[in-house]
């Protein structure tokens, strides 16, 4: 499990924002794996992210 599953999840749920914890729970993948996958997807520029206002907490969605 990894980056492709996270990418597919976000693509399937276009327009909705998710925290890494929500993605982890939905896919049954460890939070660490989801965090690393999101980091790689952020660098590639294919997902949007924004701060939730809490320390080190972001929301992610598929870039439209």
PDB file of N, CA and C in Angstrom:
ATOM      1  N   UNK A   1       0.847  -1.190   0.000  1.00  0.00           N
ATOM      2  CA  UNK A   1       0.000   0.000   0.000  1.00  0.00           C
ATOM      3  C   UNK A   1       0.879   1.234   0.000  1.00  0.00           C
ATOM      4  N   UNK A   2       0.431   2.249  -0.709  1.00  0.00           N
ATOM      5  CA  UNK A   2       1.261   3.428  -0.724  1.00  0.00           C
ATOM      6  C   UNK A   2       0.703   4.561  -1.536  1.00  0.00           C
ATOM      7  N   UNK A   3       1.603   5.196  -2.230  1.00  0.00           N
ATOM      8  CA  UNK A   3       1.296   6.429  -2.934  1.00  0.00           C
ATOM      9  C   UNK A   3       0.152   6.279  -3.929  1.00  0.00           C
ATOM     10  N   UNK A   4       0.124   5.190  -4.687  1.00  0.00           N
ATOM     11  CA  UNK A   4      -0.926   5.003  -5.689  1.00  0.00           C
ATOM     12  C   UNK A   4      -2.301   4.915  -5.045  1.00  0.00           C
ATOM     13  N   UNK A   5      -2.409   4.217  -3.919  1.00  0.00           N
ATOM     14  CA  UNK A   5      -3.695   4.091  -3.233  1.00  0.00           C
ATOM     15  C   UNK A   5      -4.180   5.449  -2.719  1.00  0.00           C
ATOM     16  N   UNK A   6      -3.267   6.240  -2.177  1.00  0.00           N
ATOM     17  CA  UNK A   6      -3.624   7.571  -1.684  1.00  0.00           C
ATOM     18  C   UNK A   6      -4.060   8.451  -2.853  1.00  0.00           C
ATOM     19  N   UNK A   7      -3.305   8.400  -3.944  1.00  0.00           N
ATOM     20  CA  UNK A   7      -3.650   9.165  -5.143  1.00  0.00           C
ATOM     21  C   UNK A   7      -5.037   8.768  -5.655  1.00  0.00           C
ATOM     22  N   UNK A   8      -5.283   7.466  -5.778  1.00  0.00           N
ATOM     23  CA  UNK A   8      -6.571   6.977  -6.272  1.00  0.00           C
ATOM     24  C   UNK A   8      -7.716   7.412  -5.357  1.00  0.00           C
ATOM     25  N   UNK A   9      -7.498   7.364  -4.039  1.00  0.00           N
ATOM     26  CA  UNK A   9      -8.523   7.778  -3.078  1.00  0.00           C
ATOM     27  C   UNK A   9      -8.887   9.246  -3.274  1.00  0.00           C
ATOM     28  N   UNK A  10      -7.879  10.108  -3.377  1.00  0.00           N
ATOM     29  CA  UNK A  10      -8.139  11.536  -3.550  1.00  0.00           C
ATOM     30  C   UNK A  10      -8.800  11.815  -4.896  1.00  0.00           C
ATOM     31  N   UNK A  11      -8.373  11.111  -5.928  1.00  0.00           N
ATOM     32  CA  UNK A  11      -8.951  11.305  -7.264  1.00  0.00           C
ATOM     33  C   UNK A  11     -10.419  10.882  -7.280  1.00  0.00           C
ATOM     34  N   UNK A  12     -10.722   9.782  -6.603  1.00  0.00           N
ATOM     35  CA  UNK A  12     -12.096   9.277  -6.542  1.00  0.00           C
ATOM     36  C   UNK A  12     -13.012  10.238  -5.776  1.00  0.00           C
ATOM     37  N   UNK A  13     -12.432  10.999  -4.851  1.00  0.00           N
ATOM     38  CA  UNK A  13     -13.196  11.927  -4.009  1.00  0.00           C
ATOM     39  C   UNK A  13     -12.870  13.378  -4.356  1.00  0.00           C
ATOM     40  N   UNK A  14     -12.806  13.688  -5.638  1.00  0.00           N
ATOM     41  CA  UNK A  14     -12.461  15.037  -6.105  1.00  0.00           C
ATOM     42  C   UNK A  14     -13.325  16.089  -5.428  1.00  0.00           C
ATOM     43  N   UNK A  15     -12.698  17.205  -5.098  1.00  0.00           N
ATOM     44  CA  UNK A  15     -13.420  18.328  -4.520  1.00  0.00           C
ATOM     45  C   UNK A  15     -13.589  18.271  -3.011  1.00  0.00           C
ATOM     46  N   UNK A  16     -13.284  17.132  -2.396  1.00  0.00           N
ATOM     47  CA  UNK A  16     -13.410  16.994  -0.946  1.00  0.00           C
ATOM     48  C   UNK A  16     -12.036  17.078  -0.309  1.00  0.00           C
ATOM     49  N   UNK A  17     -11.980  17.710   0.855  1.00  0.00           N
ATOM     50  CA  UNK A  17     -10.735  17.828   1.609  1.00  0.00           C
ATOM     51  C   UNK A  17     -10.651  16.721   2.651  1.00  0.00           C
ATOM     52  N   UNK A  18      -9.449  16.171   2.856  1.00  0.00           N
ATOM     53  CA  UNK A  18      -9.217  15.126   3.839  1.00  0.00           C
ATOM     54  C   UNK A  18      -7.925  15.394   4.590  1.00  0.00           C
ATOM     55  N   UNK A  19      -7.915  15.063   5.877  1.00  0.00           N
ATOM     56  CA  UNK A  19      -6.657  15.091   6.625  1.00  0.00           C
ATOM     57  C   UNK A  19      -5.958  13.758   6.393  1.00  0.00           C
ATOM     58  N   UNK A  20      -4.683  13.706   6.721  1.00  0.00           N
ATOM     59  CA  UNK A  20      -3.943  12.447   6.557  1.00  0.00           C
ATOM     60  C   UNK A  20      -4.545  11.351   7.436  1.00  0.00           C
ATOM     61  N   UNK A  21      -5.040  11.711   8.594  1.00  0.00           N
ATOM     62  CA  UNK A  21      -5.657  10.725   9.487  1.00  0.00           C
ATOM     63  C   UNK A  21      -6.934  10.149   8.855  1.00  0.00           C
ATOM     64  N   UNK A  22      -7.738  10.992   8.237  1.00  0.00           N
ATOM     65  CA  UNK A  22      -8.963  10.515   7.582  1.00  0.00           C
ATOM     66  C   UNK A  22      -8.632   9.572   6.430  1.00  0.00           C
ATOM     67  N   UNK A  23      -7.600   9.900   5.667  1.00  0.00           N
ATOM     68  CA  UNK A  23      -7.175   9.039   4.563  1.00  0.00           C
ATOM     69  C   UNK A  23      -6.676   7.710   5.112  1.00  0.00           C
ATOM     70  N   UNK A  24      -5.884   7.773   6.166  1.00  0.00           N
ATOM     71  CA  UNK A  24      -5.346   6.572   6.792  1.00  0.00           C
ATOM     72  C   UNK A  24      -6.465   5.639   7.242  1.00  0.00           C
ATOM     73  N   UNK A  25      -7.468   6.186   7.896  1.00  0.00           N
ATOM     74  CA  UNK A  25      -8.583   5.380   8.391  1.00  0.00           C
ATOM     75  C   UNK A  25      -9.420   4.812   7.248  1.00  0.00           C
ATOM     76  N   UNK A  26      -9.644   5.606   6.207  1.00  0.00           N
ATOM     77  CA  UNK A  26     -10.466   5.159   5.075  1.00  0.00           C
ATOM     78  C   UNK A  26      -9.801   4.020   4.304  1.00  0.00           C
ATOM     79  N   UNK A  27      -8.479   4.071   4.192  1.00  0.00           N
ATOM     80  CA  UNK A  27      -7.761   3.075   3.396  1.00  0.00           C
ATOM     81  C   UNK A  27      -7.189   1.930   4.229  1.00  0.00           C
ATOM     82  N   UNK A  28      -7.170   2.085   5.537  1.00  0.00           N
ATOM     83  CA  UNK A  28      -6.590   1.058   6.394  1.00  0.00           C
ATOM     84  C   UNK A  28      -5.075   0.982   6.260  1.00  0.00           C
ATOM     85  N   UNK A  29      -4.457   2.129   6.008  1.00  0.00           N
ATOM     86  CA  UNK A  29      -2.998   2.238   5.856  1.00  0.00           C
ATOM     87  C   UNK A  29      -2.470   3.028   7.050  1.00  0.00           C
ATOM     88  N   UNK A  30      -1.257   2.725   7.480  1.00  0.00           N
ATOM     89  CA  UNK A  30      -0.682   3.442   8.621  1.00  0.00           C
ATOM     90  C   UNK A  30      -0.555   4.935   8.309  1.00  0.00           C
ATOM     91  N   UNK A  31      -0.659   5.739   9.346  1.00  0.00           N
ATOM     92  CA  UNK A  31      -0.555   7.192   9.195  1.00  0.00           C
ATOM     93  C   UNK A  31       0.814   7.591   8.637  1.00  0.00           C
ATOM     94  N   UNK A  32       1.846   6.866   9.000  1.00  0.00           N
ATOM     95  CA  UNK A  32       3.188   7.151   8.493  1.00  0.00           C
ATOM     96  C   UNK A  32       3.292   6.952   6.990  1.00  0.00           C
ATOM     97  N   UNK A  33       2.715   5.865   6.496  1.00  0.00           N
ATOM     98  CA  UNK A  33       2.722   5.598   5.051  1.00  0.00           C
ATOM     99  C   UNK A  33       1.934   6.658   4.298  1.00  0.00           C
ATOM    100  N   UNK A  34       0.789   7.046   4.842  1.00  0.00           N
ATOM    101  CA  UNK A  34      -0.040   8.074   4.202  1.00  0.00           C
ATOM    102  C   UNK A  34       0.705   9.404   4.182  1.00  0.00           C
ATOM    103  N   UNK A  35       1.340   9.764   5.288  1.00  0.00           N
ATOM    104  CA  UNK A  35       2.079  11.019   5.375  1.00  0.00           C
ATOM    105  C   UNK A  35       3.200  11.073   4.346  1.00  0.00           C
ATOM    106  N   UNK A  36       3.953   9.989   4.212  1.00  0.00           N
ATOM    107  CA  UNK A  36       5.045   9.952   3.224  1.00  0.00           C
ATOM    108  C   UNK A  36       4.496  10.032   1.804  1.00  0.00           C
ATOM    109  N   UNK A  37       3.405   9.354   1.538  1.00  0.00           N
ATOM    110  CA  UNK A  37       2.792   9.399   0.207  1.00  0.00           C
ATOM    111  C   UNK A  37       2.305  10.802  -0.121  1.00  0.00           C
ATOM    112  N   UNK A  38       1.672  11.454   0.847  1.00  0.00           N
ATOM    113  CA  UNK A  38       1.173  12.815   0.627  1.00  0.00           C
ATOM    114  C   UNK A  38       2.328  13.783   0.392  1.00  0.00           C
ATOM    115  N   UNK A  39       3.422  13.583   1.091  1.00  0.00           N
ATOM    116  CA  UNK A  39       4.595  14.438   0.912  1.00  0.00           C
ATOM    117  C   UNK A  39       5.106  14.346  -0.527  1.00  0.00           C
ATOM    118  N   UNK A  40       5.182  13.130  -1.055  1.00  0.00           N
ATOM    119  CA  UNK A  40       5.631  12.932  -2.435  1.00  0.00           C
ATOM    120  C   UNK A  40       4.634  13.529  -3.431  1.00  0.00           C
ATOM    121  N   UNK A  41       3.343  13.339  -3.172  1.00  0.00           N
ATOM    122  CA  UNK A  41       2.322  13.889  -4.063  1.00  0.00           C
ATOM    123  C   UNK A  41       2.323  15.415  -4.035  1.00  0.00           C
ATOM    124  N   UNK A  42       2.585  16.003  -2.880  1.00  0.00           N
ATOM    125  CA  UNK A  42       2.686  17.465  -2.765  1.00  0.00           C
ATOM    126  C   UNK A  42       3.841  17.983  -3.615  1.00  0.00           C
ATOM    127  N   UNK A  43       4.990  17.307  -3.552  1.00  0.00           N
ATOM    128  CA  UNK A  43       6.159  17.732  -4.317  1.00  0.00           C
ATOM    129  C   UNK A  43       5.912  17.658  -5.819  1.00  0.00           C
ATOM    130  N   UNK A  44       5.121  16.674  -6.241  1.00  0.00           N
ATOM    131  CA  UNK A  44       4.840  16.528  -7.668  1.00  0.00           C
ATOM    132  C   UNK A  44       3.800  17.536  -8.155  1.00  0.00           C
ATOM    133  N   UNK A  45       3.084  18.175  -7.218  1.00  0.00           N
ATOM    134  CA  UNK A  45       2.125  19.223  -7.580  1.00  0.00           C
ATOM    135  C   UNK A  45       0.780  18.723  -8.060  1.00  0.00           C
ATOM    136  N   UNK A  46       0.456  17.464  -7.828  1.00  0.00           N
ATOM    137  CA  UNK A  46      -0.823  16.947  -8.332  1.00  0.00           C
ATOM    138  C   UNK A  46      -1.939  16.957  -7.296  1.00  0.00           C
ATOM    139  N   UNK A  47      -1.619  17.397  -6.070  1.00  0.00           N
ATOM    140  CA  UNK A  47      -2.666  17.561  -5.064  1.00  0.00           C
ATOM    141  C   UNK A  47      -2.555  18.961  -4.458  1.00  0.00           C
ATOM    142  N   UNK A  48      -3.693  19.460  -3.989  1.00  0.00           N
ATOM    143  CA  UNK A  48      -3.740  20.734  -3.270  1.00  0.00           C
ATOM    144  C   UNK A  48      -3.648  20.433  -1.780  1.00  0.00           C
ATOM    145  N   UNK A  49      -3.103  21.387  -1.032  1.00  0.00           N
ATOM    146  CA  UNK A  49      -3.081  21.244   0.423  1.00  0.00           C
ATOM    147  C   UNK A  49      -3.202  22.610   1.058  1.00  0.00           C
ATOM    148  N   UNK A  50      -3.734  22.621   2.271  1.00  0.00           N
ATOM    149  CA  UNK A  50      -3.858  23.861   3.038  1.00  0.00           C
ATOM    150  C   UNK A  50      -3.792  23.522   4.512  1.00  0.00           C
ATOM    151  N   UNK A  51      -3.389  24.492   5.299  1.00  0.00           N
ATOM    152  CA  UNK A  51      -3.309  24.305   6.738  1.00  0.00           C
ATOM    153  C   UNK A  51      -4.706  24.313   7.341  1.00  0.00           C
ATOM    154  N   UNK A  52      -4.902  23.511   8.373  1.00  0.00           N
ATOM    155  CA  UNK A  52      -6.188  23.489   9.069  1.00  0.00           C
ATOM    156  C   UNK A  52      -6.213  24.517  10.193  1.00  0.00           C
ATOM    157  N   UNK A  53      -5.059  25.128  10.456  1.00  0.00           N
ATOM    158  CA  UNK A  53      -4.962  26.071  11.558  1.00  0.00           C
ATOM    159  C   UNK A  53      -4.357  25.438  12.801  1.00  0.00           C
ATOM    160  N   UNK A  54      -4.327  24.115  12.824  1.00  0.00           N
ATOM    161  CA  UNK A  54      -3.684  23.400  13.924  1.00  0.00           C
ATOM    162  C   UNK A  54      -2.228  23.144  13.546  1.00  0.00           C
ATOM    163  N   UNK A  55      -1.390  23.043  14.537  1.00  0.00           N
ATOM    164  CA  UNK A  55       0.035  22.844  14.304  1.00  0.00           C
ATOM    165  C   UNK A  55       0.299  21.579  13.475  1.00  0.00           C
ATOM    166  N   UNK A  56       1.018  21.751  12.369  1.00  0.00           N
ATOM    167  CA  UNK A  56       1.415  20.647  11.492  1.00  0.00           C
ATOM    168  C   UNK A  56       0.257  19.779  11.001  1.00  0.00           C
ATOM    169  N   UNK A  57      -0.920  20.359  10.839  1.00  0.00           N
ATOM    170  CA  UNK A  57      -2.063  19.609  10.333  1.00  0.00           C
ATOM    171  C   UNK A  57      -2.548  20.258   9.050  1.00  0.00           C
ATOM    172  N   UNK A  58      -2.635  19.432   8.011  1.00  0.00           N
ATOM    173  CA  UNK A  58      -3.045  19.923   6.689  1.00  0.00           C
ATOM    174  C   UNK A  58      -4.212  19.126   6.166  1.00  0.00           C
ATOM    175  N   UNK A  59      -4.918  19.743   5.221  1.00  0.00           N
ATOM    176  CA  UNK A  59      -5.991  19.057   4.496  1.00  0.00           C
ATOM    177  C   UNK A  59      -5.519  18.919   3.051  1.00  0.00           C
ATOM    178  N   UNK A  60      -5.933  17.831   2.419  1.00  0.00           N
ATOM    179  CA  UNK A  60      -5.482  17.528   1.070  1.00  0.00           C
ATOM    180  C   UNK A  60      -6.677  17.221   0.178  1.00  0.00           C
ATOM    181  N   UNK A  61      -6.524  17.528  -1.116  1.00  0.00           N
ATOM    182  CA  UNK A  61      -7.520  17.139  -2.111  1.00  0.00           C
ATOM    183  C   UNK A  61      -6.855  17.010  -3.469  1.00  0.00           C
ATOM    184  N   UNK A  62      -7.520  16.314  -4.370  1.00  0.00           N
ATOM    185  CA  UNK A  62      -7.015  16.143  -5.721  1.00  0.00           C
ATOM    186  C   UNK A  62      -7.103  17.479  -6.444  1.00  0.00           C
ATOM    187  N   UNK A  63      -6.041  17.873  -7.115  1.00  0.00           N
ATOM    188  CA  UNK A  63      -6.011  19.148  -7.833  1.00  0.00           C
ATOM    189  C   UNK A  63      -6.868  19.033  -9.080  1.00  0.00           C
ATOM    190  N   UNK A  64      -7.806  19.963  -9.209  1.00  0.00           N
ATOM    191  CA  UNK A  64      -8.716  19.927 -10.362  1.00  0.00           C
ATOM    192  C   UNK A  64      -8.264  20.841 -11.462  1.00  0.00           C
TER     193      UNK A  64
END
